């Protein structure tokens, strides 16, 4: 097996019996993982206790695969279906579940499926913590309290359609960002665009008929600059290190309504110099990004699954723009003194290919990226792998090794999962003051003993 230890040190394989609905740990088979190329034993350094707030999903139409401790090889267990973990926010998945897919198996909903095992009274998964923030920890959300506050704010601002939309997101879809807005903490979402210029395979808010259902209902209107500014100012005035952000899971591409965003940003900055104004985007319109920076945008997060052109285009399927536009948008923000993040949609067996890592390092250097948000790509593993060009020969490096090499190659690069408040840093940069640099390390939590 990978790393130190033997198969006896691994958690047991977890499954659901064919005619049952409860979880079982197998008395013989050990936990196996799929690294995007092959089924193997997990390294002990890849394992951690399943974090609080995580979910466990049944994988219909997929048989569990475990390791035979006598032979050391993988075997299909025909007595039960596979299950997977969905680690709580802030954790990066390091491998995929080991399964045997039946011919009639349907596509899975859009979640980041991770392996799961059981040992000595605890569930384990293959993941590593990349952000210490607890801003989306499910234990911090009281739905009754959120509902009361949401209804009160909607009553106070009956003409603001954006606040009403956020109430729907908070109470119907359980959006943690929308819930945090009503709880007056952390980051406030500002969805604004009903349309998009990419047709991502794993889009969370729009899928073709007959496909995997979208996770969110996309916003059906464009809020006015006044509605956006009012919502943002409510949050900034109530939260000490507030972040307000365009580009959410319930919308398309915010740069398609850049004029509205520009006017909203100007209005916010007219009333306050506080709060980080942030944009999550595909970076498709560098000219629009430049206009938003001039209006007062502080930070940007560029979403990318790979900095290799063929792999990028296979997933995003961009319309009217290319990866070059994405890189140009990042450079514009960095040269303006703003803060640049990359939302790297991480997938085991793809992101940890040597060629992919080299492209990522090159792009980060070319842009001047401050922070890489290691985000799990949410979609059926088979669908994603089938959608990409043929993968390179040779084994993947492993995602822990990717993190190590990124830290070695780019020592000032920060790692995370969420958008940080950076207003004070941006002010320093734009005033010509040499800003601080800080490495934000990922955290390893010990596997089973």
Protein backbone atom coordinates (compact mmCIF):
# COMPACT_ATOMS: atom_id res chain seq x y z
CA UNK A 1 0.00 0.00 0.00
CA UNK A 2 1.02 3.65 -0.32
CA UNK A 3 2.90 5.14 2.63
CA UNK A 4 3.59 3.40 5.91
CA UNK A 5 1.39 0.72 7.39
CA UNK A 6 -0.34 -2.40 6.13
CA UNK A 7 -3.84 -3.17 4.93
CA UNK A 8 -4.71 -4.11 8.50
CA UNK A 9 -4.20 -0.46 9.45
CA UNK A 10 -6.88 0.68 7.01
CA UNK A 11 -10.55 1.28 7.82
CA UNK A 12 -13.07 -1.32 6.72
CA UNK A 13 -15.01 -0.99 3.47
CA UNK A 14 -18.46 0.55 4.01
CA UNK A 15 -21.52 -0.54 2.02
CA UNK A 16 -25.31 -0.70 1.99
CA UNK A 17 -26.81 -4.20 1.49
CA UNK A 18 -28.76 -4.75 -1.73
CA UNK A 19 -31.99 -5.17 0.22
CA UNK A 20 -31.24 -2.76 3.03
CA UNK A 21 -31.01 0.91 3.81
CA UNK A 22 -28.41 0.99 6.60
CA UNK A 23 -24.64 1.37 6.55
CA UNK A 24 -22.42 -1.62 7.28
CA UNK A 25 -18.67 -2.02 7.65
CA UNK A 26 -17.41 -5.19 6.03
CA UNK A 27 -15.67 -7.65 8.37
CA UNK A 28 -13.11 -8.67 5.72
CA UNK A 29 -12.64 -6.09 2.97
CA UNK A 30 -10.60 -2.95 3.60
CA UNK A 31 -11.25 0.56 2.31
CA UNK A 32 -10.11 1.20 -1.28
CA UNK A 33 -9.88 4.45 -3.25
CA UNK A 34 -9.74 5.37 -6.92
CA UNK A 35 -7.04 7.90 -7.79
CA UNK A 36 -8.44 8.73 -11.25
CA UNK A 37 -6.33 6.02 -12.87
CA UNK A 38 -6.63 2.89 -10.76
CA UNK A 39 -8.09 1.41 -7.60
CA UNK A 40 -5.52 1.31 -4.81
CA UNK A 41 -5.06 1.41 -1.06
CA UNK A 42 -5.12 4.92 0.42
CA UNK A 43 -1.96 6.23 2.01
CA UNK A 44 -2.41 6.77 5.72
CA UNK A 45 -1.50 10.45 5.26
CA UNK A 46 -4.50 10.79 2.93
CA UNK A 47 -6.98 9.68 5.58
CA UNK A 48 -8.70 11.80 8.20
CA UNK A 49 -11.76 11.35 10.41
CA UNK A 50 -14.91 12.33 8.56
CA UNK A 51 -15.34 16.02 9.49
CA UNK A 52 -18.42 17.16 11.43
CA UNK A 53 -21.12 18.43 9.08
CA UNK A 54 -20.22 15.98 6.31
CA UNK A 55 -22.81 13.87 4.49
CA UNK A 56 -22.86 10.22 3.45
CA UNK A 57 -24.50 9.27 0.14
CA UNK A 58 -25.66 5.99 -1.31
CA UNK A 59 -24.31 5.45 -4.85
CA UNK A 60 -27.14 3.66 -6.67
CA UNK A 61 -26.18 1.33 -9.49
CA UNK A 62 -22.61 1.07 -8.19
CA UNK A 63 -21.24 -1.93 -6.32
CA UNK A 64 -18.75 -1.45 -3.52
CA UNK A 65 -15.11 -2.32 -4.17
CA UNK A 66 -12.79 -3.27 -1.33
CA UNK A 67 -9.25 -4.52 -0.82
CA UNK A 68 -8.69 -8.17 -0.06
CA UNK A 69 -6.20 -8.16 2.84
CA UNK A 70 -4.92 -11.62 1.85
CA UNK A 71 -4.06 -10.78 -1.74
CA UNK A 72 -3.69 -7.02 -1.45
CA UNK A 73 -5.80 -6.52 -4.56
CA UNK A 74 -9.22 -4.92 -5.16
CA UNK A 75 -12.36 -7.04 -5.42
CA UNK A 76 -15.96 -6.19 -6.31
CA UNK A 77 -18.35 -6.90 -3.46
CA UNK A 78 -21.59 -8.09 -5.06
CA UNK A 79 -23.56 -8.09 -1.84
CA UNK A 80 -24.02 -4.36 -1.51
CA UNK A 81 -23.95 -0.91 -3.05
CA UNK A 82 -21.18 1.61 -2.63
CA UNK A 83 -21.46 4.72 -0.51
CA UNK A 84 -19.47 7.96 -0.55
CA UNK A 85 -18.69 10.85 1.74
CA UNK A 86 -19.30 14.52 0.97
CA UNK A 87 -16.82 16.32 3.20
CA UNK A 88 -17.86 19.56 4.87
CA UNK A 89 -16.63 22.87 3.35
CA UNK A 90 -12.98 23.63 3.93
CA UNK A 91 -11.83 20.08 3.16
CA UNK A 92 -10.23 19.01 -0.11
CA UNK A 93 -11.10 15.55 -1.40
CA UNK A 94 -7.96 13.53 -2.20
CA UNK A 95 -9.39 10.50 -4.00
CA UNK A 96 -12.57 9.07 -5.50
CA UNK A 97 -14.72 6.20 -4.23
CA UNK A 98 -13.77 2.77 -5.53
CA UNK A 99 -16.87 1.39 -7.25
CA UNK A 100 -17.99 -0.98 -9.99
CA UNK A 101 -20.61 0.78 -12.10
CA UNK A 102 -23.51 -1.32 -13.40
CA UNK A 103 -24.65 -0.83 -16.99
CA UNK A 104 -28.01 0.69 -16.06
CA UNK A 105 -26.60 3.09 -13.46
CA UNK A 106 -27.87 6.66 -13.80
CA UNK A 107 -25.68 9.75 -13.50
CA UNK A 108 -25.12 11.00 -9.98
CA UNK A 109 -26.26 14.42 -8.72
CA UNK A 110 -23.61 17.10 -8.54
CA UNK A 111 -21.65 16.53 -5.37
CA UNK A 112 -17.97 15.85 -4.67
CA UNK A 113 -17.97 12.12 -3.94
CA UNK A 114 -15.14 10.94 -1.69
CA UNK A 115 -14.19 7.50 -0.32
CA UNK A 116 -15.39 6.42 3.09
CA UNK A 117 -14.29 3.75 5.53
CA UNK A 118 -14.97 2.77 9.14
CA UNK A 119 -12.59 1.87 11.97
CA UNK A 120 -12.93 1.73 15.74
CA UNK A 121 -16.20 3.62 15.95
CA UNK A 122 -15.32 6.37 13.46
CA UNK A 123 -15.85 7.06 9.78
CA UNK A 124 -12.82 8.09 7.72
CA UNK A 125 -12.42 9.71 4.34
CA UNK A 126 -9.57 10.76 2.04
CA UNK A 127 -9.37 14.52 2.54
CA UNK A 128 -7.23 17.32 3.90
CA UNK A 129 -8.28 20.60 5.45
CA UNK A 130 -7.28 23.61 3.34
CA UNK A 131 -9.13 26.40 5.16
CA UNK A 132 -9.51 26.91 8.91
CA UNK A 133 -12.58 29.10 8.61
CA UNK A 134 -15.81 27.72 10.10
CA UNK A 135 -18.02 30.08 8.11
CA UNK A 136 -20.00 27.22 6.54
CA UNK A 137 -19.86 24.70 9.37
CA UNK A 138 -23.43 23.30 9.55
CA UNK A 139 -23.29 23.32 13.35
CA UNK A 140 -23.26 27.13 13.30
CA UNK A 141 -26.60 27.50 11.50
CA UNK A 142 -29.89 27.69 13.39
CA UNK A 143 -32.56 27.49 10.68
CA UNK A 144 -35.33 28.85 12.91
CA UNK A 145 -33.24 31.89 13.74
CA UNK A 146 -32.27 32.37 10.09
CA UNK A 147 -35.94 32.22 9.08
CA UNK A 148 -36.96 34.84 11.61
CA UNK A 149 -34.20 37.21 10.56
CA UNK A 150 -34.86 36.68 6.87
CA UNK A 151 -38.57 37.42 7.20
CA UNK A 152 -37.84 40.53 9.23
CA UNK A 153 -35.36 41.87 6.68
CA UNK A 154 -37.73 41.20 3.80
CA UNK A 155 -40.47 43.11 5.62
CA UNK A 156 -38.09 46.03 6.22
CA UNK A 157 -37.14 46.15 2.51
CA UNK A 158 -40.27 45.01 0.64
CA UNK A 159 -39.16 46.46 -2.71
CA UNK A 160 -35.72 44.86 -2.74
CA UNK A 161 -36.05 41.77 -4.92
CA UNK A 162 -32.49 40.68 -4.20
CA UNK A 163 -33.12 40.32 -0.46
CA UNK A 164 -36.25 38.28 -1.23
CA UNK A 165 -34.21 36.08 -3.56
CA UNK A 166 -31.61 35.51 -0.85
CA UNK A 167 -34.35 34.49 1.57
CA UNK A 168 -35.42 31.83 -0.95
CA UNK A 169 -31.82 30.62 -1.33
CA UNK A 170 -31.33 30.49 2.43
CA UNK A 171 -34.54 28.68 3.32
CA UNK A 172 -35.19 26.48 0.26
CA UNK A 173 -31.70 25.61 -0.99
CA UNK A 174 -29.87 25.92 2.30
CA UNK A 175 -27.28 28.26 0.81
CA UNK A 176 -24.75 28.92 3.58
CA UNK A 177 -23.68 32.25 2.09
CA UNK A 178 -27.27 33.53 2.01
CA UNK A 179 -27.82 32.23 5.53
CA UNK A 180 -24.71 34.06 6.73
CA UNK A 181 -26.11 37.29 5.26
CA UNK A 182 -29.21 37.00 7.43
CA UNK A 183 -27.06 36.06 10.43
CA UNK A 184 -24.97 39.22 9.85
CA UNK A 185 -21.59 37.55 9.52
CA UNK A 186 -18.91 36.54 7.02
CA UNK A 187 -19.67 36.91 3.28
CA UNK A 188 -22.84 38.27 1.63
CA UNK A 189 -23.76 36.90 -1.83
CA UNK A 190 -24.92 39.34 -4.50
CA UNK A 191 -26.25 37.24 -7.41
CA UNK A 192 -27.09 39.38 -10.43
CA UNK A 193 -26.84 37.56 -13.78
CA UNK A 194 -29.53 35.26 -15.21
CA UNK A 195 -27.36 34.30 -18.22
CA UNK A 196 -23.94 32.81 -18.89
CA UNK A 197 -21.40 32.62 -21.71
CA UNK A 198 -20.14 29.17 -20.73
CA UNK A 199 -21.95 25.85 -20.87
CA UNK A 200 -20.11 24.03 -18.09
CA UNK A 201 -20.71 20.30 -17.86
CA UNK A 202 -21.02 20.62 -14.10
CA UNK A 203 -23.07 23.82 -13.96
CA UNK A 204 -24.91 24.07 -10.64
CA UNK A 205 -27.72 26.33 -11.87
CA UNK A 206 -28.51 25.20 -15.42
CA UNK A 207 -28.62 21.77 -17.02
CA UNK A 208 -30.23 20.61 -20.29
CA UNK A 209 -33.55 18.72 -20.09
CA UNK A 210 -33.10 15.06 -19.28
CA UNK A 211 -29.70 15.60 -17.68
CA UNK A 212 -28.64 15.64 -14.06
CA UNK A 213 -30.86 18.13 -12.19
CA UNK A 214 -29.25 21.46 -11.34
CA UNK A 215 -28.53 22.02 -7.65
CA UNK A 216 -29.92 25.56 -7.60
CA UNK A 217 -32.63 27.56 -9.31
CA UNK A 218 -30.90 30.34 -11.24
CA UNK A 219 -31.89 33.92 -10.50
CA UNK A 220 -34.52 35.01 -13.06
CA UNK A 221 -33.89 38.78 -13.00
CA UNK A 222 -31.08 41.30 -12.84
CA UNK A 223 -31.28 43.39 -9.67
CA UNK A 224 -30.91 47.13 -10.07
CA UNK A 225 -27.71 48.83 -8.88
CA UNK A 226 -29.75 50.32 -6.02
CA UNK A 227 -31.01 46.88 -4.90
CA UNK A 228 -27.47 45.50 -4.97
CA UNK A 229 -25.94 48.47 -3.16
CA UNK A 230 -28.66 48.47 -0.49
CA UNK A 231 -28.11 44.77 0.21
CA UNK A 232 -24.33 45.16 0.30
CA UNK A 233 -24.44 48.17 2.60
CA UNK A 234 -26.72 46.37 5.06
CA UNK A 235 -24.09 43.68 5.34
CA UNK A 236 -21.04 45.95 5.46
CA UNK A 237 -22.56 48.09 8.22
CA UNK A 238 -23.33 45.03 10.37
CA UNK A 239 -20.17 42.94 9.87
CA UNK A 240 -16.70 43.98 10.96
CA UNK A 241 -14.59 42.42 8.18
CA UNK A 242 -17.38 42.03 5.66
CA UNK A 243 -17.09 40.53 2.20
CA UNK A 244 -19.79 41.13 -0.43
CA UNK A 245 -19.47 39.12 -3.60
CA UNK A 246 -20.88 38.81 -7.10
CA UNK A 247 -20.91 35.47 -8.87
CA UNK A 248 -22.85 32.78 -7.00
CA UNK A 249 -24.04 29.24 -7.61
CA UNK A 250 -27.55 30.56 -8.29
CA UNK A 251 -26.56 32.75 -11.24
CA UNK A 252 -24.79 32.79 -14.58
CA UNK A 253 -21.74 34.93 -15.36
CA UNK A 254 -21.79 38.31 -13.56
CA UNK A 255 -19.56 40.01 -16.15
CA UNK A 256 -22.49 39.83 -18.58
CA UNK A 257 -24.18 42.50 -16.46
CA UNK A 258 -20.99 44.44 -15.78
CA UNK A 259 -22.63 47.86 -16.23
CA UNK A 260 -25.05 47.08 -13.41
CA UNK A 261 -22.23 45.83 -11.18
CA UNK A 262 -20.12 48.92 -11.95
CA UNK A 263 -22.90 51.28 -10.92
CA UNK A 264 -23.59 49.23 -7.79
CA UNK A 265 -19.91 49.28 -6.78
CA UNK A 266 -19.75 53.05 -7.29
CA UNK A 267 -22.81 53.46 -5.08
CA UNK A 268 -21.33 51.27 -2.35
CA UNK A 269 -18.04 53.13 -2.40
CA UNK A 270 -19.88 56.47 -2.35
CA UNK A 271 -21.35 55.52 1.02
CA UNK A 272 -18.47 53.59 2.62
CA UNK A 273 -14.83 52.68 2.21
CA UNK A 274 -15.29 49.59 4.36
CA UNK A 275 -15.85 46.02 3.29
CA UNK A 276 -14.26 43.88 0.58
CA UNK A 277 -16.11 44.00 -2.76
CA UNK A 278 -15.37 40.73 -4.51
CA UNK A 279 -16.16 39.09 -7.86
CA UNK A 280 -16.39 35.34 -8.56
CA UNK A 281 -16.15 35.00 -12.33
CA UNK A 282 -15.04 32.99 -15.33
CA UNK A 283 -12.90 36.01 -16.31
CA UNK A 284 -14.28 36.10 -19.85
CA UNK A 285 -14.37 39.90 -20.29
CA UNK A 286 -11.11 41.64 -19.33
CA UNK A 287 -12.49 45.03 -20.44
CA UNK A 288 -15.39 44.69 -18.03
CA UNK A 289 -13.03 43.61 -15.24
CA UNK A 290 -10.95 46.74 -15.80
CA UNK A 291 -14.06 48.93 -15.52
CA UNK A 292 -15.05 47.24 -12.27
CA UNK A 293 -11.56 47.79 -10.83
CA UNK A 294 -11.83 51.47 -11.68
CA UNK A 295 -15.19 51.58 -9.89
CA UNK A 296 -13.73 50.08 -6.70
CA UNK A 297 -13.62 46.28 -7.01
CA UNK A 298 -11.16 44.86 -4.45
CA UNK A 299 -10.71 41.22 -5.39
CA UNK A 300 -11.47 38.61 -8.00
CA UNK A 301 -11.71 34.83 -8.02
CA UNK A 302 -11.17 33.13 -11.38
CA UNK A 303 -12.77 29.71 -11.76
CA UNK A 304 -10.62 27.18 -13.62
CA UNK A 305 -10.63 23.40 -13.74
CA UNK A 306 -7.27 23.29 -15.54
CA UNK A 307 -4.83 25.74 -17.11
CA UNK A 308 -4.34 23.33 -20.01
CA UNK A 309 -6.42 24.70 -22.86
CA UNK A 310 -7.98 21.44 -24.07
CA UNK A 311 -8.96 20.38 -20.55
CA UNK A 312 -10.33 23.84 -19.76
CA UNK A 313 -12.44 24.01 -22.91
CA UNK A 314 -13.76 20.46 -22.47
CA UNK A 315 -15.30 21.38 -19.12
CA UNK A 316 -16.30 25.05 -19.53
CA UNK A 317 -17.23 24.94 -23.22
CA UNK A 318 -16.78 28.74 -23.43
CA UNK A 319 -18.71 30.85 -25.91
CA UNK A 320 -16.87 33.88 -27.28
CA UNK A 321 -13.86 33.80 -24.97
CA UNK A 322 -10.83 31.67 -24.18
CA UNK A 323 -8.40 30.82 -21.39
CA UNK A 324 -6.29 33.77 -22.53
CA UNK A 325 -9.12 36.12 -21.51
CA UNK A 326 -9.24 34.50 -18.07
CA UNK A 327 -5.52 35.05 -17.50
CA UNK A 328 -5.76 38.62 -18.79
CA UNK A 329 -8.57 39.40 -16.33
CA UNK A 330 -6.44 38.20 -13.44
CA UNK A 331 -3.49 40.31 -14.52
CA UNK A 332 -5.68 43.42 -14.75
CA UNK A 333 -6.84 43.03 -11.15
CA UNK A 334 -3.31 42.33 -9.89
CA UNK A 335 -1.86 45.33 -11.75
CA UNK A 336 -4.60 47.53 -10.27
CA UNK A 337 -3.45 46.55 -6.79
CA UNK A 338 -6.34 44.17 -6.23
CA UNK A 339 -6.30 40.69 -4.72
CA UNK A 340 -6.41 37.70 -7.09
CA UNK A 341 -7.64 34.21 -6.24
CA UNK A 342 -7.97 31.16 -8.44
CA UNK A 343 -10.93 28.90 -7.79
CA UNK A 344 -9.18 25.69 -8.80
CA UNK A 345 -11.81 23.01 -9.35
CA UNK A 346 -9.82 20.06 -8.09
CA UNK A 347 -10.39 16.53 -9.31
CA UNK A 348 -8.23 13.53 -8.29
CA UNK A 349 -6.41 12.07 -11.26
CA UNK A 350 -6.64 15.28 -13.29
CA UNK A 351 -5.41 18.18 -11.14
CA UNK A 352 -2.51 16.06 -9.88
CA UNK A 353 -1.10 15.16 -13.29
CA UNK A 354 2.46 16.51 -13.74
CA UNK A 355 1.46 18.37 -16.90
CA UNK A 356 -1.51 19.95 -15.15
CA UNK A 357 0.60 21.02 -12.19
CA UNK A 358 3.19 22.61 -14.49
CA UNK A 359 0.46 24.58 -16.27
CA UNK A 360 -1.00 25.70 -12.93
CA UNK A 361 2.36 26.93 -11.62
CA UNK A 362 3.03 28.80 -14.87
CA UNK A 363 -0.35 30.53 -14.85
CA UNK A 364 -0.12 31.50 -11.16
CA UNK A 365 3.24 33.13 -11.83
CA UNK A 366 2.03 34.87 -14.98
CA UNK A 367 -1.02 36.34 -13.24
CA UNK A 368 0.51 37.06 -9.83
CA UNK A 369 -2.09 35.03 -7.94
CA UNK A 370 -2.36 35.64 -4.18
CA UNK A 371 -4.53 32.70 -3.15
CA UNK A 372 -5.54 29.35 -4.60
CA UNK A 373 -8.89 28.12 -3.37
CA UNK A 374 -8.70 24.35 -3.57
CA UNK A 375 -12.33 23.60 -4.34
CA UNK A 376 -13.76 20.16 -5.00
CA UNK A 377 -15.32 19.75 -8.44
CA UNK A 378 -18.90 18.62 -7.90
CA UNK A 379 -20.08 16.11 -10.48
CA UNK A 380 -20.31 12.45 -11.34
CA UNK A 381 -16.70 11.19 -11.59
CA UNK A 382 -17.45 9.05 -14.65
CA UNK A 383 -19.09 11.94 -16.48
CA UNK A 384 -16.16 14.26 -15.85
CA UNK A 385 -13.48 11.77 -16.86
CA UNK A 386 -15.40 10.83 -20.01
CA UNK A 387 -15.72 14.50 -20.97
CA UNK A 388 -11.98 15.25 -20.94
CA UNK A 389 -9.36 14.49 -23.57
CA UNK A 390 -7.35 11.33 -22.99
CA UNK A 391 -5.38 11.59 -19.76
CA UNK A 392 -1.59 11.46 -19.79
CA UNK A 393 0.23 8.18 -19.29
CA UNK A 394 1.67 7.44 -15.92
CA UNK A 395 0.31 7.65 -12.39
CA UNK A 396 -0.94 10.92 -10.90
CA UNK A 397 1.23 12.65 -8.33
CA UNK A 398 -1.43 12.70 -5.64
CA UNK A 399 -3.01 15.88 -4.35
CA UNK A 400 -0.96 16.08 -1.15
CA UNK A 401 2.15 16.09 -3.35
CA UNK A 402 0.58 18.84 -5.48
CA UNK A 403 0.11 20.97 -2.37
CA UNK A 404 3.70 20.36 -1.34
CA UNK A 405 5.09 21.29 -4.73
CA UNK A 406 2.96 24.41 -4.98
CA UNK A 407 4.32 25.56 -1.62
CA UNK A 408 7.85 24.78 -2.75
CA UNK A 409 7.55 26.51 -6.13
CA UNK A 410 5.45 29.44 -4.88
CA UNK A 411 6.35 30.04 -1.22
CA UNK A 412 4.22 33.20 -0.81
CA UNK A 413 1.09 31.57 -2.25
CA UNK A 414 -1.80 31.16 0.15
CA UNK A 415 -4.20 28.21 0.17
CA UNK A 416 -7.85 28.34 1.20
CA UNK A 417 -11.43 27.49 0.40
CA UNK A 418 -13.31 30.77 1.01
CA UNK A 419 -13.04 34.39 -0.11
CA UNK A 420 -11.05 36.31 2.53
CA UNK A 421 -11.57 39.93 3.59
CA UNK A 422 -8.71 41.83 1.91
CA UNK A 423 -9.80 45.48 1.93
CA UNK A 424 -6.93 46.66 4.14
CA UNK A 425 -4.35 44.84 2.00
CA UNK A 426 -5.76 46.30 -1.22
CA UNK A 427 -5.71 49.80 0.27
CA UNK A 428 -2.02 49.33 1.11
CA UNK A 429 -1.20 48.13 -2.37
CA UNK A 430 -3.02 50.96 -4.07
CA UNK A 431 -1.32 53.45 -1.76
CA UNK A 432 2.07 52.07 -2.80
CA UNK A 433 2.80 50.43 0.55
CA UNK A 434 4.61 47.10 0.36
CA UNK A 435 1.99 44.58 1.49
CA UNK A 436 2.55 41.67 3.78
CA UNK A 437 2.74 38.17 2.40
CA UNK A 438 1.58 35.18 4.35
CA UNK A 439 1.53 31.50 3.59
CA UNK A 440 -1.78 29.98 4.58
CA UNK A 441 -0.87 26.28 4.96
CA UNK A 442 -3.18 23.39 4.46
CA UNK A 443 -3.73 21.31 7.57
CA UNK A 444 -3.24 17.57 7.81
CA UNK A 445 -5.38 15.73 10.32
CA UNK A 446 -4.20 12.32 11.37
CA UNK A 447 -5.62 9.15 9.92
CA UNK A 448 -6.55 5.98 11.79
CA UNK A 449 -4.14 4.52 14.27
